[in-house]
Amino acid sequence: MIEDLKGIIPPLVSPFREDETLDEEALRDTLRFMLSRGVHGVCLGGSTGEGHTLSVDELARSIEIACEEVKGEIPVVAGIIANSTRDAIAAAKAVSKFDVAALQITPVHYVFKPDDDATYAHFERLTQETDIPIIIYNVVPWNYLSPQLLVRIMEGLPGVAGVKQSAGDLKLMADLMISVPEGRKVFTAVDALLYPSFAIGAHGTIAANPAAIPGVCVALWNAVQAGEHERAREIHEAMLRFWNTIFADNLPANVKYALSKQGVKTGRPRMPMPATSAEQAARIDAQLAEVLKYEVVQDAARLAS
């Protein structure tokens, strides 16, 4: 249920073998790691999960595995990155047979940008074709939806339950927070500024940092919810230093590398994305060791199951 979506919701990496097929056992390992860190939900098929490279069948299988592993304990979100309304509907129908709390769907992202009315029609058609609540994944740089358009869509379409606000502009997110319709949710993906996002009332985060260091992000969320802002600021500073080491055009590969250093099987990225370079690895190693000092581990025994 959309009401249960809050807090730290990592967009999981998609582990691939050397032949670039989906490594299902490694995906289960990743899910167990996330659960051991006390995350509040998981998302499959997002940008960090290289969702733009997944077939509909691979996305559906990933969702099925996630539902098997979480056993209803936390919500599962299905990410859909599609270039047409038709393709987005096909993906939504493929995952609808599973216990999915919400669909995280991008605006179309090819070079031809639809106008506001066409974008509204895109999400309107999606709400007509599925009963699963939709979260707009506002991430496409040349089709970045304004707070005004997002509010228009949410006010007009009850099936659109919220927005995942990406990019680095906290002002745009703040504008959205003070205008979002009652009952709708705003999730932050402003990775460098998760602390201020939480402080101004974001309902949670679906972002790369939580996918790489979930236990630290849970600690940050808990600190803000408890009003412990001095500790939250300290965690934020360590997280920002870490974020600056993984943010690059091969971000998903760097998240996989950071997870592998924590003992999680993650596999390789899909071509043509390059793996983490030696120079990137050295920077990540240094800051990962520091940021993990703040990690919350709630159920380490789960990793052995």
C-alpha atoms as a PDB file:
ATOM      1  CA  MET A   1       0.000   0.000   0.000  1.00  0.00           C
ATOM      2  CA  ILE A   2       1.178   3.506  -0.795  1.00  0.00           C
ATOM      3  CA  GLU A   3       0.454   4.504   2.820  1.00  0.00           C
ATOM      4  CA  ASP A   4       3.292   2.196   3.903  1.00  0.00           C
ATOM      5  CA  LEU A   5       5.853   3.860   1.646  1.00  0.00           C
ATOM      6  CA  LYS A   6       8.162   6.035   3.719  1.00  0.00           C
ATOM      7  CA  GLY A   7      11.732   6.293   4.905  1.00  0.00           C
ATOM      8  CA  ILE A   8      14.671   4.569   3.245  1.00  0.00           C
ATOM      9  CA  ILE A   9      13.733   2.742   0.030  1.00  0.00           C
ATOM     10  CA  PRO A  10      16.903   1.712  -1.831  1.00  0.00           C
ATOM     11  CA  PRO A  11      16.681   1.298  -5.625  1.00  0.00           C
ATOM     12  CA  LEU A  12      18.546  -1.985  -5.797  1.00  0.00           C
ATOM     13  CA  VAL A  13      21.324  -2.768  -8.245  1.00  0.00           C
ATOM     14  CA  SER A  14      20.669  -5.493 -10.798  1.00  0.00           C
ATOM     15  CA  PRO A  15      23.477  -8.062 -10.448  1.00  0.00           C
ATOM     16  CA  PHE A  16      24.704  -9.403 -13.793  1.00  0.00           C
ATOM     17  CA  ARG A  17      26.970 -12.353 -14.500  1.00  0.00           C
ATOM     18  CA  GLU A  18      29.928 -12.118 -16.870  1.00  0.00           C
ATOM     19  CA  ASP A  19      27.600 -13.038 -19.750  1.00  0.00           C
ATOM     20  CA  GLU A  20      25.345 -10.132 -18.636  1.00  0.00           C
ATOM     21  CA  THR A  21      22.411 -12.348 -17.657  1.00  0.00           C
ATOM     22  CA  LEU A  22      20.613 -11.591 -14.398  1.00  0.00           C
ATOM     23  CA  ASP A  23      22.226 -13.291 -11.399  1.00  0.00           C
ATOM     24  CA  GLU A  24      19.197 -14.258  -9.344  1.00  0.00           C
ATOM     25  CA  GLU A  25      21.129 -15.593  -6.362  1.00  0.00           C
ATOM     26  CA  ALA A  26      23.151 -12.393  -6.158  1.00  0.00           C
ATOM     27  CA  LEU A  27      19.905 -10.391  -6.259  1.00  0.00           C
ATOM     28  CA  ARG A  28      18.612 -12.421  -3.318  1.00  0.00           C
ATOM     29  CA  ASP A  29      21.880 -11.746  -1.487  1.00  0.00           C
ATOM     30  CA  THR A  30      21.437  -8.014  -2.104  1.00  0.00           C
ATOM     31  CA  LEU A  31      17.865  -8.104  -0.808  1.00  0.00           C
ATOM     32  CA  ARG A  32      18.901  -9.916   2.371  1.00  0.00           C
ATOM     33  CA  PHE A  33      21.614  -7.340   2.955  1.00  0.00           C
ATOM     34  CA  MET A  34      19.077  -4.526   2.616  1.00  0.00           C
ATOM     35  CA  LEU A  35      16.695  -6.206   5.037  1.00  0.00           C
ATOM     36  CA  SER A  36      19.509  -6.704   7.556  1.00  0.00           C
ATOM     37  CA  ARG A  37      20.047  -2.929   7.533  1.00  0.00           C
ATOM     38  CA  GLY A  38      16.432  -2.184   8.387  1.00  0.00           C
ATOM     39  CA  VAL A  39      15.351  -0.456   5.178  1.00  0.00           C
ATOM     40  CA  HIS A  40      11.702   0.551   4.915  1.00  0.00           C
ATOM     41  CA  GLY A  41      11.123  -0.670   1.358  1.00  0.00           C
ATOM     42  CA  VAL A  42      12.932  -1.672  -1.835  1.00  0.00           C
ATOM     43  CA  CYS A  43      12.707  -0.589  -5.460  1.00  0.00           C
ATOM     44  CA  LEU A  44      13.673  -2.726  -8.456  1.00  0.00           C
ATOM     45  CA  GLY A  45      14.244  -1.468 -11.996  1.00  0.00           C
ATOM     46  CA  GLY A  46      15.335   2.078 -11.202  1.00  0.00           C
ATOM     47  CA  SER A  47      18.293   3.966 -12.639  1.00  0.00           C
ATOM     48  CA  THR A  48      20.689   2.546 -10.039  1.00  0.00           C
ATOM     49  CA  GLY A  49      19.405  -0.890 -11.040  1.00  0.00           C
ATOM     50  CA  GLU A  50      20.214  -0.206 -14.696  1.00  0.00           C
ATOM     51  CA  GLY A  51      16.486  -0.442 -15.312  1.00  0.00           C
ATOM     52  CA  HIS A  52      16.865   1.127 -18.744  1.00  0.00           C
ATOM     53  CA  THR A  53      18.688  -2.077 -19.809  1.00  0.00           C
ATOM     54  CA  LEU A  54      16.190  -4.582 -18.372  1.00  0.00           C
ATOM     55  CA  SER A  55      13.692  -6.423 -20.519  1.00  0.00           C
ATOM     56  CA  VAL A  56      10.115  -6.591 -19.290  1.00  0.00           C
ATOM     57  CA  ASP A  57      10.653 -10.242 -18.384  1.00  0.00           C
ATOM     58  CA  GLU A  58      13.792  -9.393 -16.377  1.00  0.00           C
ATOM     59  CA  LEU A  59      11.990  -6.639 -14.528  1.00  0.00           C
ATOM     60  CA  ALA A  60       9.088  -8.944 -13.695  1.00  0.00           C
ATOM     61  CA  ARG A  61      11.434 -11.678 -12.492  1.00  0.00           C
ATOM     62  CA  SER A  62      13.320  -9.178 -10.307  1.00  0.00           C
ATOM     63  CA  ILE A  63      10.049  -8.065  -8.728  1.00  0.00           C
ATOM     64  CA  GLU A  64       9.015 -11.670  -8.169  1.00  0.00           C
ATOM     65  CA  ILE A  65      12.302 -12.426  -6.399  1.00  0.00           C
ATOM     66  CA  ALA A  66      12.002  -9.310  -4.263  1.00  0.00           C
ATOM     67  CA  CYS A  67       8.491 -10.254  -3.156  1.00  0.00           C
ATOM     68  CA  GLU A  68       9.686 -13.750  -2.282  1.00  0.00           C
ATOM     69  CA  GLU A  69      12.523 -12.399  -0.164  1.00  0.00           C
ATOM     70  CA  VAL A  70      10.729  -9.611   1.717  1.00  0.00           C
ATOM     71  CA  LYS A  71       7.684 -11.808   2.413  1.00  0.00           C
ATOM     72  CA  GLY A  72       5.433  -8.798   2.848  1.00  0.00           C
ATOM     73  CA  GLU A  73       7.569  -7.264   5.603  1.00  0.00           C
ATOM     74  CA  ILE A  74       8.290  -4.100   3.609  1.00  0.00           C
ATOM     75  CA  PRO A  75       6.815  -2.605   0.407  1.00  0.00           C
ATOM     76  CA  VAL A  76       8.216  -3.397  -3.039  1.00  0.00           C
ATOM     77  CA  VAL A  77       8.274  -0.701  -5.735  1.00  0.00           C
ATOM     78  CA  ALA A  78       8.608  -1.535  -9.436  1.00  0.00           C
ATOM     79  CA  GLY A  79      10.638   0.914 -11.508  1.00  0.00           C
ATOM     80  CA  ILE A  80       9.584   1.467 -15.111  1.00  0.00           C
ATOM     81  CA  ILE A  81      11.849   3.359 -17.509  1.00  0.00           C
ATOM     82  CA  ALA A  82      10.098   3.400 -20.878  1.00  0.00           C
ATOM     83  CA  ASN A  83      10.073   5.595 -23.958  1.00  0.00           C
ATOM     84  CA  SER A  84       6.394   5.267 -24.821  1.00  0.00           C
ATOM     85  CA  THR A  85       3.072   4.996 -23.051  1.00  0.00           C
ATOM     86  CA  ARG A  86       2.554   1.612 -24.694  1.00  0.00           C
ATOM     87  CA  ASP A  87       5.827   0.198 -23.352  1.00  0.00           C
ATOM     88  CA  ALA A  88       5.204   1.580 -19.875  1.00  0.00           C
ATOM     89  CA  ILE A  89       1.791  -0.087 -19.821  1.00  0.00           C
ATOM     90  CA  ALA A  90       3.308  -3.410 -20.896  1.00  0.00           C
ATOM     91  CA  ALA A  91       5.788  -3.275 -18.013  1.00  0.00           C
ATOM     92  CA  ALA A  92       3.076  -2.271 -15.531  1.00  0.00           C
ATOM     93  CA  LYS A  93       0.919  -5.224 -16.563  1.00  0.00           C
ATOM     94  CA  ALA A  94       3.873  -7.613 -16.318  1.00  0.00           C
ATOM     95  CA  VAL A  95       4.486  -6.767 -12.650  1.00  0.00           C
ATOM     96  CA  SER A  96       0.836  -6.371 -11.638  1.00  0.00           C
ATOM     97  CA  LYS A  97       0.504 -10.033 -10.646  1.00  0.00           C
ATOM     98  CA  PHE A  98       2.960  -9.486  -7.803  1.00  0.00           C
ATOM     99  CA  ASP A  99       2.512  -7.679  -4.484  1.00  0.00           C
ATOM    100  CA  VAL A 100       3.700  -4.290  -5.716  1.00  0.00           C
ATOM    101  CA  ALA A 101       3.042  -1.211  -3.575  1.00  0.00           C
ATOM    102  CA  ALA A 102       3.719   1.331  -6.324  1.00  0.00           C
ATOM    103  CA  LEU A 103       5.100   1.872  -9.808  1.00  0.00           C
ATOM    104  CA  GLN A 104       7.967   4.354 -10.181  1.00  0.00           C
ATOM    105  CA  ILE A 105       7.593   5.628 -13.760  1.00  0.00           C
ATOM    106  CA  THR A 106       9.698   8.133 -15.688  1.00  0.00           C
ATOM    107  CA  PRO A 107       8.398  10.656 -18.157  1.00  0.00           C
ATOM    108  CA  VAL A 108       9.532   9.606 -21.636  1.00  0.00           C
ATOM    109  CA  HIS A 109      13.232  10.236 -22.068  1.00  0.00           C
ATOM    110  CA  TYR A 110      14.131  10.099 -25.750  1.00  0.00           C
ATOM    111  CA  VAL A 111      15.133  13.330 -27.473  1.00  0.00           C
ATOM    112  CA  PHE A 112      11.611  14.360 -28.509  1.00  0.00           C
ATOM    113  CA  LYS A 113       9.992  16.038 -25.510  1.00  0.00           C
ATOM    114  CA  PRO A 114       6.182  15.962 -25.174  1.00  0.00           C
ATOM    115  CA  ASP A 115       4.473  19.138 -24.023  1.00  0.00           C
ATOM    116  CA  ASP A 116       2.669  19.424 -20.696  1.00  0.00           C
ATOM    117  CA  ASP A 117      -0.670  18.223 -22.059  1.00  0.00           C
ATOM    118  CA  ALA A 118       0.932  15.189 -23.701  1.00  0.00           C
ATOM    119  CA  THR A 119       2.784  14.364 -20.480  1.00  0.00           C
ATOM    120  CA  TYR A 120      -0.471  14.634 -18.545  1.00  0.00           C
ATOM    121  CA  ALA A 121      -2.123  12.316 -21.087  1.00  0.00           C
ATOM    122  CA  HIS A 122       0.755   9.843 -20.681  1.00  0.00           C
ATOM    123  CA  PHE A 123       0.166   9.466 -16.963  1.00  0.00           C
ATOM    124  CA  GLU A 124      -3.606   9.604 -17.385  1.00  0.00           C
ATOM    125  CA  ARG A 125      -3.493   6.597 -19.701  1.00  0.00           C
ATOM    126  CA  LEU A 126      -1.230   4.756 -17.293  1.00  0.00           C
ATOM    127  CA  THR A 127      -3.667   5.281 -14.426  1.00  0.00           C
ATOM    128  CA  GLN A 128      -6.458   3.916 -16.626  1.00  0.00           C
ATOM    129  CA  GLU A 129      -4.477   0.759 -17.387  1.00  0.00           C
ATOM    130  CA  THR A 130      -3.347  -0.157 -13.861  1.00  0.00           C
ATOM    131  CA  ASP A 131      -4.737  -0.055 -10.337  1.00  0.00           C
ATOM    132  CA  ILE A 132      -1.263   0.171  -8.804  1.00  0.00           C
ATOM    133  CA  PRO A 133      -0.405   3.656  -7.456  1.00  0.00           C
ATOM    134  CA  ILE A 134       2.095   5.577  -9.579  1.00  0.00           C
ATOM    135  CA  ILE A 135       5.071   7.603  -8.380  1.00  0.00           C
ATOM    136  CA  ILE A 136       6.397   9.951 -11.063  1.00  0.00           C
ATOM    137  CA  TYR A 137      10.151   9.528 -11.335  1.00  0.00           C
ATOM    138  CA  ASN A 138      11.121  13.113 -12.136  1.00  0.00           C
ATOM    139  CA  VAL A 139      14.669  12.588 -13.376  1.00  0.00           C
ATOM    140  CA  VAL A 140      14.914  13.155 -17.135  1.00  0.00           C
ATOM    141  CA  PRO A 141      17.030  16.327 -17.639  1.00  0.00           C
ATOM    142  CA  TRP A 142      15.396  17.468 -20.892  1.00  0.00           C
ATOM    143  CA  ASN A 143      11.924  16.456 -19.746  1.00  0.00           C
ATOM    144  CA  TYR A 144      12.100  17.613 -16.134  1.00  0.00           C
ATOM    145  CA  LEU A 145       8.577  18.275 -14.898  1.00  0.00           C
ATOM    146  CA  SER A 146       7.961  21.553 -13.069  1.00  0.00           C
ATOM    147  CA  PRO A 147       6.337  21.616  -9.621  1.00  0.00           C
ATOM    148  CA  GLN A 148       3.301  23.209 -11.286  1.00  0.00           C
ATOM    149  CA  LEU A 149       2.893  20.336 -13.763  1.00  0.00           C
ATOM    150  CA  LEU A 150       3.482  17.716 -11.079  1.00  0.00           C
ATOM    151  CA  VAL A 151       0.792  19.271  -8.890  1.00  0.00           C
ATOM    152  CA  ARG A 152      -1.584  19.456 -11.873  1.00  0.00           C
ATOM    153  CA  ILE A 153      -1.079  15.751 -12.567  1.00  0.00           C
ATOM    154  CA  MET A 154      -1.527  14.736  -8.924  1.00  0.00           C
ATOM    155  CA  GLU A 155      -4.638  16.887  -8.505  1.00  0.00           C
ATOM    156  CA  GLY A 156      -6.214  15.547 -11.678  1.00  0.00           C
ATOM    157  CA  LEU A 157      -5.231  11.887 -11.466  1.00  0.00           C
ATOM    158  CA  PRO A 158      -5.997  10.034  -8.216  1.00  0.00           C
ATOM    159  CA  GLY A 159      -3.861   7.120  -9.421  1.00  0.00           C
ATOM    160  CA  VAL A 160      -0.719   9.256  -9.210  1.00  0.00           C
ATOM    161  CA  ALA A 161       0.253   8.954  -5.569  1.00  0.00           C
ATOM    162  CA  GLY A 162       3.440  10.958  -5.477  1.00  0.00           C
ATOM    163  CA  VAL A 163       6.721  12.096  -6.966  1.00  0.00           C
ATOM    164  CA  LYS A 164      10.338  11.049  -6.698  1.00  0.00           C
ATOM    165  CA  GLN A 165      12.174  14.338  -7.132  1.00  0.00           C
ATOM    166  CA  SER A 166      15.662  13.908  -8.551  1.00  0.00           C
ATOM    167  CA  ALA A 167      18.445  16.215  -9.758  1.00  0.00           C
ATOM    168  CA  GLY A 168      20.291  18.529  -7.390  1.00  0.00           C
ATOM    169  CA  ASP A 169      17.952  21.480  -6.949  1.00  0.00           C
ATOM    170  CA  LEU A 170      16.591  21.508  -3.403  1.00  0.00           C
ATOM    171  CA  LYS A 171      14.646  24.712  -4.159  1.00  0.00           C
ATOM    172  CA  LEU A 172      12.481  22.875  -6.704  1.00  0.00           C
ATOM    173  CA  MET A 173      11.858  20.168  -4.145  1.00  0.00           C
ATOM    174  CA  ALA A 174      11.000  22.722  -1.474  1.00  0.00           C
ATOM    175  CA  ASP A 175       8.512  24.357  -3.850  1.00  0.00           C
ATOM    176  CA  LEU A 176       6.942  20.968  -4.464  1.00  0.00           C
ATOM    177  CA  MET A 177       6.752  20.210  -0.734  1.00  0.00           C
ATOM    178  CA  ILE A 178       4.668  23.334  -0.010  1.00  0.00           C
ATOM    179  CA  SER A 179       2.266  22.712  -2.896  1.00  0.00           C
ATOM    180  CA  VAL A 180       1.848  18.936  -3.013  1.00  0.00           C
ATOM    181  CA  PRO A 181      -1.832  17.893  -2.715  1.00  0.00           C
ATOM    182  CA  GLU A 182      -2.935  16.372   0.570  1.00  0.00           C
ATOM    183  CA  GLY A 183      -2.400  12.636   0.691  1.00  0.00           C
ATOM    184  CA  ARG A 184       0.335  12.613  -1.960  1.00  0.00           C
ATOM    185  CA  LYS A 185       3.962  11.836  -1.164  1.00  0.00           C
ATOM    186  CA  VAL A 186       7.289  13.347  -2.166  1.00  0.00           C
ATOM    187  CA  PHE A 187      10.422  11.201  -2.114  1.00  0.00           C
ATOM    188  CA  THR A 188      13.831  12.769  -2.456  1.00  0.00           C
ATOM    189  CA  ALA A 189      16.537  11.553  -4.793  1.00  0.00           C
ATOM    190  CA  VAL A 190      18.754  14.572  -4.165  1.00  0.00           C
ATOM    191  CA  ASP A 191      21.535  12.295  -2.906  1.00  0.00           C
ATOM    192  CA  ALA A 192      23.878  15.067  -1.803  1.00  0.00           C
ATOM    193  CA  LEU A 193      21.153  16.663   0.307  1.00  0.00           C
ATOM    194  CA  LEU A 194      19.193  13.860   1.938  1.00  0.00           C
ATOM    195  CA  TYR A 195      19.480  15.465   5.365  1.00  0.00           C
ATOM    196  CA  PRO A 196      17.871  18.808   4.432  1.00  0.00           C
ATOM    197  CA  SER A 197      15.336  16.907   2.302  1.00  0.00           C
ATOM    198  CA  PHE A 198      14.248  14.945   5.360  1.00  0.00           C
ATOM    199  CA  ALA A 199      14.323  18.082   7.510  1.00  0.00           C
ATOM    200  CA  ILE A 200      11.845  19.914   5.237  1.00  0.00           C
ATOM    201  CA  GLY A 201       9.443  16.994   5.303  1.00  0.00           C
ATOM    202  CA  ALA A 202      10.249  14.574   2.482  1.00  0.00           C
ATOM    203  CA  HIS A 203       8.352  11.341   3.054  1.00  0.00           C
ATOM    204  CA  GLY A 204      11.474   9.309   2.340  1.00  0.00           C
ATOM    205  CA  THR A 205      14.091   8.628  -0.283  1.00  0.00           C
ATOM    206  CA  ILE A 206      14.518   6.332  -3.270  1.00  0.00           C
ATOM    207  CA  ALA A 207      18.094   7.120  -4.254  1.00  0.00           C
ATOM    208  CA  ALA A 208      21.546   5.738  -5.005  1.00  0.00           C
ATOM    209  CA  ASN A 209      23.133   6.503  -1.623  1.00  0.00           C
ATOM    210  CA  PRO A 210      20.598   4.268   0.165  1.00  0.00           C
ATOM    211  CA  ALA A 211      21.384   1.532  -2.376  1.00  0.00           C
ATOM    212  CA  ALA A 212      25.097   1.747  -1.536  1.00  0.00           C
ATOM    213  CA  ILE A 213      25.036   2.408   2.228  1.00  0.00           C
ATOM    214  CA  PRO A 214      21.536   1.535   3.438  1.00  0.00           C
ATOM    215  CA  GLY A 215      22.420   1.229   7.115  1.00  0.00           C
ATOM    216  CA  VAL A 216      23.919   4.706   7.179  1.00  0.00           C
ATOM    217  CA  CYS A 217      20.857   6.173   5.479  1.00  0.00           C
ATOM    218  CA  VAL A 218      18.596   4.476   8.022  1.00  0.00           C
ATOM    219  CA  ALA A 219      20.699   6.068  10.763  1.00  0.00           C
ATOM    220  CA  LEU A 220      20.271   9.486   9.134  1.00  0.00           C
ATOM    221  CA  TRP A 221      16.500   9.025   8.781  1.00  0.00           C
ATOM    222  CA  ASN A 222      16.201   7.928  12.405  1.00  0.00           C
ATOM    223  CA  ALA A 223      18.225  10.905  13.618  1.00  0.00           C
ATOM    224  CA  VAL A 224      16.060  13.418  11.756  1.00  0.00           C
ATOM    225  CA  GLN A 225      12.835  11.789  12.904  1.00  0.00           C
ATOM    226  CA  ALA A 226      14.108  11.973  16.492  1.00  0.00           C
ATOM    227  CA  GLY A 227      15.101  15.632  16.127  1.00  0.00           C
ATOM    228  CA  GLU A 228      18.775  14.804  16.643  1.00  0.00           C
ATOM    229  CA  HIS A 229      20.015  17.357  14.145  1.00  0.00           C
ATOM    230  CA  GLU A 230      23.586  17.639  15.362  1.00  0.00           C
ATOM    231  CA  ARG A 231      24.075  13.912  14.769  1.00  0.00           C
ATOM    232  CA  ALA A 232      22.139  14.107  11.496  1.00  0.00           C
ATOM    233  CA  ARG A 233      24.440  16.850  10.239  1.00  0.00           C
ATOM    234  CA  GLU A 234      27.478  14.769  11.179  1.00  0.00           C
ATOM    235  CA  ILE A 235      26.129  11.785   9.249  1.00  0.00           C
ATOM    236  CA  HIS A 236      25.238  14.053   6.329  1.00  0.00           C
ATOM    237  CA  GLU A 237      28.806  15.310   6.052  1.00  0.00           C
ATOM    238  CA  ALA A 238      30.222  11.784   5.957  1.00  0.00           C
ATOM    239  CA  MET A 239      27.584  10.749   3.426  1.00  0.00           C
ATOM    240  CA  LEU A 240      28.330  13.732   1.213  1.00  0.00           C
ATOM    241  CA  ARG A 241      32.038  12.898   1.134  1.00  0.00           C
ATOM    242  CA  PHE A 242      31.126   9.333   0.175  1.00  0.00           C
ATOM    243  CA  TRP A 243      28.599  10.486  -2.439  1.00  0.00           C
ATOM    244  CA  ASN A 244      31.238  12.614  -4.094  1.00  0.00           C
ATOM    245  CA  THR A 245      33.303   9.456  -4.710  1.00  0.00           C
ATOM    246  CA  ILE A 246      30.554   7.408  -6.382  1.00  0.00           C
ATOM    247  CA  PHE A 247      28.737  10.106  -8.379  1.00  0.00           C
ATOM    248  CA  ALA A 248      29.823   9.628 -11.986  1.00  0.00           C
ATOM    249  CA  ASP A 249      28.474   8.448 -15.317  1.00  0.00           C
ATOM    250  CA  ASN A 250      29.045   4.878 -14.100  1.00  0.00           C
ATOM    251  CA  LEU A 251      27.204   5.451 -10.819  1.00  0.00           C
ATOM    252  CA  PRO A 252      25.472   2.016 -10.830  1.00  0.00           C
ATOM    253  CA  ALA A 253      28.853   0.327 -11.231  1.00  0.00           C
ATOM    254  CA  ASN A 254      30.230   2.334  -8.302  1.00  0.00           C
ATOM    255  CA  VAL A 255      27.255   1.376  -6.127  1.00  0.00           C
ATOM    256  CA  LYS A 256      27.928  -2.256  -6.998  1.00  0.00           C
ATOM    257  CA  TYR A 257      31.575  -1.794  -6.056  1.00  0.00           C
ATOM    258  CA  ALA A 258      30.679  -0.215  -2.695  1.00  0.00           C
ATOM    259  CA  LEU A 259      28.307  -3.075  -1.936  1.00  0.00           C
ATOM    260  CA  SER A 260      30.926  -5.659  -2.901  1.00  0.00           C
ATOM    261  CA  LYS A 261      33.276  -4.102  -0.339  1.00  0.00           C
ATOM    262  CA  GLN A 262      30.559  -4.817   2.240  1.00  0.00           C
ATOM    263  CA  GLY A 263      30.421  -8.488   1.258  1.00  0.00           C
ATOM    264  CA  VAL A 264      27.433  -8.301  -1.088  1.00  0.00           C
ATOM    265  CA  LYS A 265      27.425 -10.139  -4.409  1.00  0.00           C
ATOM    266  CA  THR A 266      26.655  -7.588  -7.100  1.00  0.00           C
ATOM    267  CA  GLY A 267      28.194  -8.728 -10.388  1.00  0.00           C
ATOM    268  CA  ARG A 268      29.198  -6.486 -13.250  1.00  0.00           C
ATOM    269  CA  PRO A 269      27.415  -3.617 -15.005  1.00  0.00           C
ATOM    270  CA  ARG A 270      25.860  -4.154 -18.419  1.00  0.00           C
ATOM    271  CA  MET A 271      27.771  -2.900 -21.423  1.00  0.00           C
ATOM    272  CA  PRO A 272      28.618  -0.271 -22.369  1.00  0.00           C
ATOM    273  CA  MET A 273      28.792   0.988 -18.787  1.00  0.00           C
ATOM    274  CA  PRO A 274      32.375   0.659 -17.517  1.00  0.00           C
ATOM    275  CA  ALA A 275      33.213  -0.966 -14.210  1.00  0.00           C
ATOM    276  CA  THR A 276      34.644   1.084 -11.362  1.00  0.00           C
ATOM    277  CA  SER A 277      38.165   2.221 -12.224  1.00  0.00           C
ATOM    278  CA  ALA A 278      41.162   1.756  -9.941  1.00  0.00           C
ATOM    279  CA  GLU A 279      41.220   5.499  -9.255  1.00  0.00           C
ATOM    280  CA  GLN A 280      37.511   5.519  -8.358  1.00  0.00           C
ATOM    281  CA  ALA A 281      37.947   2.447  -6.162  1.00  0.00           C
ATOM    282  CA  ALA A 282      40.713   4.085  -4.137  1.00  0.00           C
ATOM    283  CA  ARG A 283      38.553   7.156  -3.455  1.00  0.00           C
ATOM    284  CA  ILE A 284      35.499   5.047  -2.624  1.00  0.00           C
ATOM    285  CA  ASP A 285      37.461   2.798  -0.257  1.00  0.00           C
ATOM    286  CA  ALA A 286      38.667   5.745   1.814  1.00  0.00           C
ATOM    287  CA  GLN A 287      35.264   7.367   2.297  1.00  0.00           C
ATOM    288  CA  LEU A 288      33.322   4.104   2.607  1.00  0.00           C
ATOM    289  CA  ALA A 289      35.344   3.138   5.666  1.00  0.00           C
ATOM    290  CA  GLU A 290      34.508   6.484   7.278  1.00  0.00           C
ATOM    291  CA  VAL A 291      30.802   6.608   6.465  1.00  0.00           C
ATOM    292  CA  LEU A 292      30.151   3.034   7.606  1.00  0.00           C
ATOM    293  CA  LYS A 293      31.036   4.103  11.146  1.00  0.00           C
ATOM    294  CA  TYR A 294      27.466   5.446  11.297  1.00  0.00           C
ATOM    295  CA  GLU A 295      25.836   2.296   9.971  1.00  0.00           C
ATOM    296  CA  VAL A 296      22.772   0.715  11.558  1.00  0.00           C
ATOM    297  CA  VAL A 297      22.654  -3.084  11.462  1.00  0.00           C
ATOM    298  CA  GLN A 298      19.331  -4.429  12.657  1.00  0.00           C
ATOM    299  CA  ASP A 299      19.380  -8.110  11.713  1.00  0.00           C
ATOM    300  CA  ALA A 300      22.787  -9.396  10.680  1.00  0.00           C
ATOM    301  CA  ALA A 301      21.597 -13.002  11.147  1.00  0.00           C
ATOM    302  CA  ARG A 302      19.377 -12.565   8.090  1.00  0.00           C
ATOM    303  CA  LEU A 303      22.456 -12.604   5.845  1.00  0.00           C
ATOM    304  CA  ALA A 304      23.250 -16.140   6.925  1.00  0.00           C
ATOM    305  CA  SER A 305      19.802 -17.466   6.001  1.00  0.00           C
END
